[in-house]
Amino acid sequence: MRCTTEQQALLEHYVKQILAAPVYELAVRTPLQLAPALSDALGNQILLKREDLQPTFSFKIRGAYNKLVQLCDAQKARGVVTASAGNHAQGVALAARELGIEATIVMPNTTPQLKVHGVRSRGADAVLHGESFPFALAHALELARETGRTFVSPFDDPQVIAGQGTVAMEILRQHQGSLEAIFVPVGGGGLIAGIAAYVKYLRPEVRIIGVESEHSACLQAALQAGERVVLPSVGTFADGVAVAQIGAFGFEVCRFCVDEVLTVSNDELCAAIKNIYDDTRSITEPSGALAVAGIKKYIARTGVRNQTLVAIDSGANINFDSLGHVAERAAQCGASV
């Protein structure tokens, strides 16, 4: 990857922000865990970055805390507003509680009750509005204008991106040997932007591969168009990535740091959830299983063997009553690898 001077300066800026991010005041360093059954079946070493083990069961706590802890005293006193499909919401709720900040969080009406409860149990005000994230976002921005509270973007903010980038810092410290590619779930682009900026600055030979639901592939559409586009509709099965437009700050990095974007179906996500369960006995939400589904598709297409591939297992906030559907679809589509 050849960067312009301006692009290299942007990556250096993010690396400095990532290294300085005080996320471990609340987040934890998650394990990079071998998936033995997947590795054997796929002929490669598959490592899972277990972000489902964060206090809010998702990586989002990193960016949320990094943003809130750096607000000025006046902003903290006024409170914050955000919009989220659920995982960022819980991160903001927990970070706000720890920092003594009032938080109002707008979530789509379709948000799993587990995530709504997760917000309210952490002391934040959860407001349900609209059928999907874009509607919740518009309402949250209006509330921020009306109340004077600071809007905390779930992905389109440099401090949020830097917080998420600490995932990459851990991966490169935990695995210092040969590394072919890191597969990253993509919703609004905050996670992949942070990971790509850090990895491409320090180890540019490592491929960064985004994985999107075929029902919300906003990064793939933007890269193909050469500019950010708004999808006419988004599917909500993978509710954690149900975003219609990639973030502006994230796209600034992704357009020259992301090597490839794959899309996967809902059935492929259900199969990947089972694969992860078989190896870890943990239950991943659909958006959390995107990277594993992407790895399976990548290996089937390229035939790559004997390489190390990392999947970001990004979250585990799935309603219990959804598991029957996931198990049924995994069985029907064949969850074997």
Protein backbone atom coordinates (compact mmCIF):
# COMPACT_ATOMS: atom_id res chain seq x y z
CA MET A 1 0.00 0.00 0.00
CA ARG A 2 1.43 3.34 -1.07
CA CYS A 3 0.12 6.36 0.79
CA THR A 4 0.36 10.01 -0.08
CA THR A 5 2.02 12.29 2.46
CA GLU A 6 -1.43 13.51 3.51
CA GLN A 7 -2.74 9.97 3.94
CA GLN A 8 0.31 8.93 5.96
CA ALA A 9 -0.19 11.95 8.23
CA LEU A 10 -3.83 10.94 8.77
CA LEU A 11 -2.80 7.42 9.79
CA GLU A 12 -0.10 8.77 12.10
CA HIS A 13 -2.66 11.04 13.75
CA TYR A 14 -4.97 8.10 14.43
CA VAL A 15 -2.15 5.87 15.70
CA LYS A 16 -1.19 8.54 18.24
CA GLN A 17 -4.82 8.89 19.32
CA ILE A 18 -5.19 5.11 19.63
CA LEU A 19 -2.05 4.75 21.73
CA ALA A 20 -3.23 7.53 24.04
CA ALA A 21 -6.87 6.37 24.35
CA PRO A 22 -7.68 5.72 28.05
CA VAL A 23 -10.16 2.96 27.24
CA TYR A 24 -8.84 0.52 29.85
CA GLU A 25 -10.36 2.60 32.61
CA LEU A 26 -13.54 0.74 31.60
CA ALA A 27 -12.89 -1.67 28.71
CA VAL A 28 -10.83 -4.87 29.02
CA ARG A 29 -8.08 -6.38 26.88
CA THR A 30 -9.86 -9.26 25.22
CA PRO A 31 -8.21 -12.56 24.26
CA LEU A 32 -7.14 -13.48 20.74
CA GLN A 33 -8.33 -17.07 20.82
CA LEU A 34 -7.64 -19.98 18.47
CA ALA A 35 -10.76 -21.53 16.91
CA PRO A 36 -9.49 -25.12 16.59
CA ALA A 37 -12.43 -26.71 14.75
CA LEU A 38 -12.69 -23.86 12.25
CA SER A 39 -8.93 -23.88 11.78
CA ASP A 40 -8.84 -27.61 11.05
CA ALA A 41 -11.82 -27.49 8.72
CA LEU A 42 -10.61 -24.45 6.78
CA GLY A 43 -6.92 -25.35 6.55
CA ASN A 44 -5.79 -22.08 8.12
CA GLN A 45 -5.14 -20.76 11.63
CA ILE A 46 -8.33 -18.89 12.55
CA LEU A 47 -8.05 -16.57 15.53
CA LEU A 48 -11.07 -14.92 17.16
CA LYS A 49 -10.70 -11.49 18.77
CA ARG A 50 -13.24 -11.94 21.57
CA GLU A 51 -14.86 -8.52 21.82
CA ASP A 52 -18.02 -10.28 22.98
CA LEU A 53 -16.25 -10.50 26.36
CA GLN A 54 -16.32 -6.73 26.99
CA PRO A 55 -18.39 -5.46 29.96
CA THR A 56 -21.23 -4.58 27.57
CA PHE A 57 -20.61 -7.70 25.42
CA SER A 58 -19.42 -5.57 22.48
CA PHE A 59 -16.36 -3.58 21.35
CA LYS A 60 -18.45 -0.40 21.35
CA ILE A 61 -17.53 0.39 24.96
CA ARG A 62 -14.06 1.38 23.71
CA GLY A 63 -15.14 4.22 21.44
CA ALA A 64 -17.97 5.36 23.69
CA TYR A 65 -15.71 5.76 26.72
CA ASN A 66 -12.90 7.39 24.73
CA LYS A 67 -15.36 10.02 23.49
CA LEU A 68 -17.12 10.71 26.78
CA VAL A 69 -14.03 10.86 28.97
CA GLN A 70 -12.59 13.61 26.75
CA LEU A 71 -15.65 15.90 26.90
CA CYS A 72 -15.11 19.20 28.67
CA ASP A 73 -16.77 19.84 32.04
CA ALA A 74 -19.51 21.97 30.48
CA GLN A 75 -20.38 19.25 27.98
CA LYS A 76 -20.45 16.62 30.72
CA ALA A 77 -22.78 18.82 32.79
CA ARG A 78 -25.23 19.25 29.89
CA GLY A 79 -25.33 15.53 29.13
CA VAL A 80 -25.15 13.54 25.92
CA VAL A 81 -27.50 12.18 23.27
CA THR A 82 -26.80 9.32 20.91
CA ALA A 83 -28.50 6.98 18.46
CA SER A 84 -27.71 3.30 18.29
CA ALA A 85 -29.02 -0.07 17.23
CA GLY A 86 -28.00 -1.25 20.69
CA ASN A 87 -24.32 -1.96 21.24
CA HIS A 88 -23.05 1.63 21.14
CA ALA A 89 -26.07 2.50 23.27
CA GLN A 90 -24.96 0.19 26.05
CA GLY A 91 -21.39 1.47 25.79
CA VAL A 92 -22.53 5.07 26.14
CA ALA A 93 -24.87 4.16 29.00
CA LEU A 94 -22.11 2.46 30.97
CA ALA A 95 -19.51 5.15 30.22
CA ALA A 96 -21.97 7.91 31.13
CA ARG A 97 -22.84 6.23 34.42
CA GLU A 98 -19.17 5.84 35.36
CA LEU A 99 -18.46 9.49 34.50
CA GLY A 100 -21.60 10.94 36.08
CA ILE A 101 -23.10 12.13 32.78
CA GLU A 102 -26.82 12.06 31.92
CA ALA A 103 -27.43 10.15 28.69
CA THR A 104 -30.44 9.90 26.37
CA ILE A 105 -30.20 7.14 23.81
CA VAL A 106 -32.49 6.82 20.79
CA MET A 107 -32.91 3.27 19.50
CA PRO A 108 -35.02 1.87 16.65
CA ASN A 109 -38.33 0.26 17.56
CA THR A 110 -36.89 -3.01 16.20
CA THR A 111 -34.04 -3.06 18.75
CA PRO A 112 -33.84 -6.39 20.63
CA GLN A 113 -35.25 -6.04 24.16
CA LEU A 114 -31.97 -7.36 25.55
CA LYS A 115 -30.23 -4.23 24.29
CA VAL A 116 -32.97 -1.88 25.48
CA HIS A 117 -32.79 -3.45 28.93
CA GLY A 118 -29.01 -3.16 28.83
CA VAL A 119 -29.30 0.60 28.36
CA ARG A 120 -31.95 1.20 31.01
CA SER A 121 -30.26 -1.05 33.56
CA ARG A 122 -27.16 1.15 33.28
CA GLY A 123 -29.12 4.29 34.13
CA ALA A 124 -29.60 5.88 30.70
CA ASP A 125 -32.88 7.05 29.19
CA ALA A 126 -33.78 4.77 26.24
CA VAL A 127 -36.12 6.33 23.66
CA LEU A 128 -37.51 3.99 20.98
CA HIS A 129 -38.10 5.77 17.66
CA GLY A 130 -38.37 4.70 14.02
CA GLU A 131 -38.15 1.43 12.17
CA SER A 132 -34.37 1.44 11.66
CA PHE A 133 -31.19 3.26 12.62
CA PRO A 134 -31.47 6.19 10.14
CA PHE A 135 -34.78 7.24 11.72
CA ALA A 136 -33.35 6.95 15.23
CA LEU A 137 -30.33 8.97 14.16
CA ALA A 138 -32.42 11.83 12.78
CA HIS A 139 -34.44 11.98 16.00
CA ALA A 140 -31.31 11.93 18.17
CA LEU A 141 -29.76 14.81 16.21
CA GLU A 142 -32.97 16.81 16.67
CA LEU A 143 -32.94 16.12 20.42
CA ALA A 144 -29.33 17.27 20.62
CA ARG A 145 -30.23 20.55 18.89
CA GLU A 146 -33.22 21.11 21.16
CA THR A 147 -31.48 20.32 24.45
CA GLY A 148 -27.93 21.54 23.83
CA ARG A 149 -26.57 18.13 24.76
CA THR A 150 -23.53 16.75 22.96
CA PHE A 151 -24.32 14.24 20.23
CA VAL A 152 -22.09 11.17 20.44
CA SER A 153 -21.93 9.42 17.08
CA PRO A 154 -21.79 5.63 17.19
CA PHE A 155 -19.13 5.64 14.46
CA ASP A 156 -18.64 8.98 12.69
CA ASP A 157 -16.28 10.64 15.17
CA PRO A 158 -12.45 10.59 15.31
CA GLN A 159 -12.37 9.91 19.07
CA VAL A 160 -14.82 7.04 18.70
CA ILE A 161 -12.73 5.65 15.83
CA ALA A 162 -9.57 5.93 17.92
CA GLY A 163 -11.22 4.07 20.78
CA GLN A 164 -12.22 1.23 18.47
CA GLY A 165 -8.70 1.19 17.02
CA THR A 166 -7.37 -0.12 20.33
CA VAL A 167 -8.66 -3.51 19.14
CA ALA A 168 -5.93 -3.49 16.47
CA MET A 169 -3.29 -2.40 18.97
CA GLU A 170 -4.08 -5.48 21.04
CA ILE A 171 -4.12 -7.84 18.05
CA LEU A 172 -0.66 -6.80 16.87
CA ARG A 173 0.71 -7.16 20.40
CA GLN A 174 -0.97 -10.54 20.93
CA HIS A 175 0.13 -12.00 17.59
CA GLN A 176 3.52 -10.80 16.41
CA GLY A 177 4.11 -13.51 13.81
CA SER A 178 2.92 -13.85 10.25
CA LEU A 179 -0.57 -12.47 9.69
CA GLU A 180 -2.38 -12.68 6.37
CA ALA A 181 -5.56 -10.70 7.05
CA ILE A 182 -7.91 -9.24 9.63
CA PHE A 183 -11.62 -9.57 8.91
CA VAL A 184 -13.73 -6.78 10.38
CA PRO A 185 -17.54 -6.41 10.68
CA VAL A 186 -18.75 -3.20 9.08
CA GLY A 187 -21.77 -1.10 10.02
CA GLY A 188 -21.02 2.61 10.09
CA GLY A 189 -17.27 2.05 9.70
CA GLY A 190 -15.83 3.17 13.03
CA LEU A 191 -14.30 -0.20 13.93
CA ILE A 192 -12.78 -0.94 10.54
CA ALA A 193 -11.42 2.61 10.21
CA GLY A 194 -9.68 2.42 13.58
CA ILE A 195 -8.28 -1.05 12.89
CA ALA A 196 -7.20 -0.18 9.35
CA ALA A 197 -5.47 3.04 10.37
CA TYR A 198 -3.40 1.33 13.07
CA VAL A 199 -2.54 -1.81 11.10
CA LYS A 200 -1.74 -0.13 7.79
CA TYR A 201 0.57 2.35 9.54
CA LEU A 202 2.52 -0.33 11.40
CA ARG A 203 2.11 -3.46 9.26
CA PRO A 204 0.89 -2.41 5.81
CA GLU A 205 1.33 -5.93 4.40
CA VAL A 206 -1.57 -7.23 6.52
CA ARG A 207 -4.80 -7.23 4.52
CA ILE A 208 -7.83 -5.49 6.00
CA ILE A 209 -11.05 -7.09 4.79
CA GLY A 210 -14.43 -5.65 5.67
CA VAL A 211 -17.45 -7.92 5.97
CA GLU A 212 -20.97 -6.54 5.59
CA SER A 213 -24.45 -7.96 5.61
CA GLU A 214 -25.71 -8.07 2.03
CA HIS A 215 -28.72 -6.14 3.37
CA SER A 216 -26.68 -3.15 4.62
CA ALA A 217 -23.54 -3.05 2.47
CA CYS A 218 -22.93 0.69 2.67
CA LEU A 219 -19.10 0.54 2.60
CA GLN A 220 -19.01 -1.68 -0.48
CA ALA A 221 -21.44 0.68 -2.22
CA ALA A 222 -19.35 3.72 -1.27
CA LEU A 223 -16.09 2.18 -2.46
CA GLN A 224 -17.69 1.21 -5.78
CA ALA A 225 -19.12 4.71 -6.25
CA GLY A 226 -16.00 6.51 -5.04
CA GLU A 227 -18.12 8.47 -2.58
CA ARG A 228 -20.49 7.92 0.33
CA VAL A 229 -23.94 6.84 -0.77
CA VAL A 230 -27.21 6.30 1.11
CA LEU A 231 -28.75 2.85 0.74
CA PRO A 232 -32.49 3.00 -0.06
CA SER A 233 -33.25 0.45 2.68
CA VAL A 234 -31.44 -1.79 5.19
CA GLY A 235 -32.24 -5.19 6.64
CA THR A 236 -32.32 -5.56 10.41
CA PHE A 237 -31.47 -9.23 11.03
CA ALA A 238 -27.89 -8.11 11.69
CA ASP A 239 -29.20 -5.12 13.64
CA GLY A 240 -25.78 -4.09 14.94
CA VAL A 241 -24.67 -3.14 11.42
CA ALA A 242 -28.01 -1.95 9.98
CA VAL A 243 -26.60 1.38 8.73
CA ALA A 244 -27.57 3.08 5.46
CA GLN A 245 -24.46 5.27 4.98
CA ILE A 246 -20.83 4.81 5.93
CA GLY A 247 -19.47 7.52 8.22
CA ALA A 248 -17.50 10.39 6.69
CA PHE A 249 -14.48 10.12 8.99
CA GLY A 250 -14.36 6.35 8.60
CA PHE A 251 -14.64 6.48 4.82
CA GLU A 252 -11.71 8.89 4.69
CA VAL A 253 -9.55 6.04 6.03
CA CYS A 254 -11.33 3.09 4.43
CA ARG A 255 -11.08 4.38 0.89
CA PHE A 256 -7.31 3.79 0.86
CA CYS A 257 -6.76 1.33 3.73
CA VAL A 258 -9.37 -1.39 3.18
CA ASP A 259 -8.21 -4.05 0.74
CA GLU A 260 -11.56 -5.69 0.08
CA VAL A 261 -15.18 -5.82 1.25
CA LEU A 262 -17.20 -9.04 1.28
CA THR A 263 -20.94 -9.38 1.80
CA VAL A 264 -22.67 -12.34 3.41
CA SER A 265 -26.26 -13.56 3.66
CA ASN A 266 -28.38 -14.03 6.77
CA ASP A 267 -28.07 -17.80 6.38
CA GLU A 268 -24.27 -17.53 6.23
CA LEU A 269 -24.42 -15.51 9.46
CA CYS A 270 -26.52 -18.19 11.16
CA ALA A 271 -24.00 -20.83 10.10
CA ALA A 272 -21.14 -18.70 11.43
CA ILE A 273 -22.91 -18.25 14.78
CA LYS A 274 -23.01 -22.04 15.09
CA ASN A 275 -19.34 -22.34 14.05
CA ILE A 276 -18.33 -19.89 16.77
CA TYR A 277 -20.49 -21.69 19.33
CA ASP A 278 -18.95 -25.05 18.44
CA ASP A 279 -15.44 -23.67 19.06
CA THR A 280 -16.03 -21.36 22.04
CA ARG A 281 -19.41 -22.31 23.56
CA SER A 282 -20.28 -18.62 23.27
CA ILE A 283 -23.32 -17.27 21.43
CA THR A 284 -22.61 -14.43 19.04
CA GLU A 285 -25.15 -11.98 17.66
CA PRO A 286 -25.53 -11.88 13.85
CA SER A 287 -23.37 -8.77 13.38
CA GLY A 288 -20.75 -10.30 15.67
CA ALA A 289 -20.46 -13.33 13.38
CA LEU A 290 -19.87 -11.32 10.19
CA ALA A 291 -16.10 -11.74 10.23
CA VAL A 292 -16.21 -15.54 10.57
CA ALA A 293 -18.76 -15.74 7.76
CA GLY A 294 -16.44 -13.56 5.69
CA ILE A 295 -13.41 -15.76 6.39
CA LYS A 296 -15.32 -18.84 5.20
CA LYS A 297 -16.32 -17.07 2.00
CA TYR A 298 -12.79 -15.73 1.43
CA ILE A 299 -11.16 -19.16 1.83
CA ALA A 300 -13.74 -20.81 -0.44
CA ARG A 301 -13.02 -18.24 -3.14
CA THR A 302 -9.24 -17.94 -2.89
CA GLY A 303 -8.26 -21.42 -1.72
CA VAL A 304 -5.71 -19.88 0.66
CA ARG A 305 -4.06 -22.40 3.00
CA ASN A 306 -1.76 -22.38 6.03
CA GLN A 307 -2.24 -18.68 6.76
CA THR A 308 -3.22 -16.86 9.94
CA LEU A 309 -6.57 -15.08 9.66
CA VAL A 310 -8.14 -13.00 12.44
CA ALA A 311 -11.90 -12.50 12.84
CA ILE A 312 -13.28 -9.78 15.09
CA ASP A 313 -16.05 -11.44 17.14
CA SER A 314 -17.63 -8.09 17.79
CA GLY A 315 -20.67 -8.70 19.98
CA ALA A 316 -22.97 -11.12 21.79
CA ASN A 317 -26.15 -9.10 22.37
CA ILE A 318 -28.77 -11.41 20.90
CA ASN A 319 -32.25 -12.03 22.29
CA PHE A 320 -32.67 -15.56 23.63
CA ASP A 321 -35.88 -16.05 21.65
CA SER A 322 -33.97 -15.44 18.40
CA LEU A 323 -31.79 -18.49 18.93
CA GLY A 324 -34.42 -20.92 17.63
CA HIS A 325 -34.49 -19.15 14.27
CA VAL A 326 -30.68 -19.05 14.11
CA ALA A 327 -30.41 -22.77 14.89
CA GLU A 328 -33.08 -23.65 12.34
CA ARG A 329 -31.43 -21.66 9.57
CA ALA A 330 -27.97 -23.00 10.43
CA ALA A 331 -29.30 -26.54 10.19
CA GLN A 332 -31.10 -25.95 6.90
CA CYS A 333 -28.22 -24.19 5.16
CA GLY A 334 -25.59 -26.55 6.57
CA ALA A 335 -23.33 -25.01 9.18
CA SER A 336 -20.43 -27.33 8.46
CA VAL A 337 -17.33 -25.71 6.98
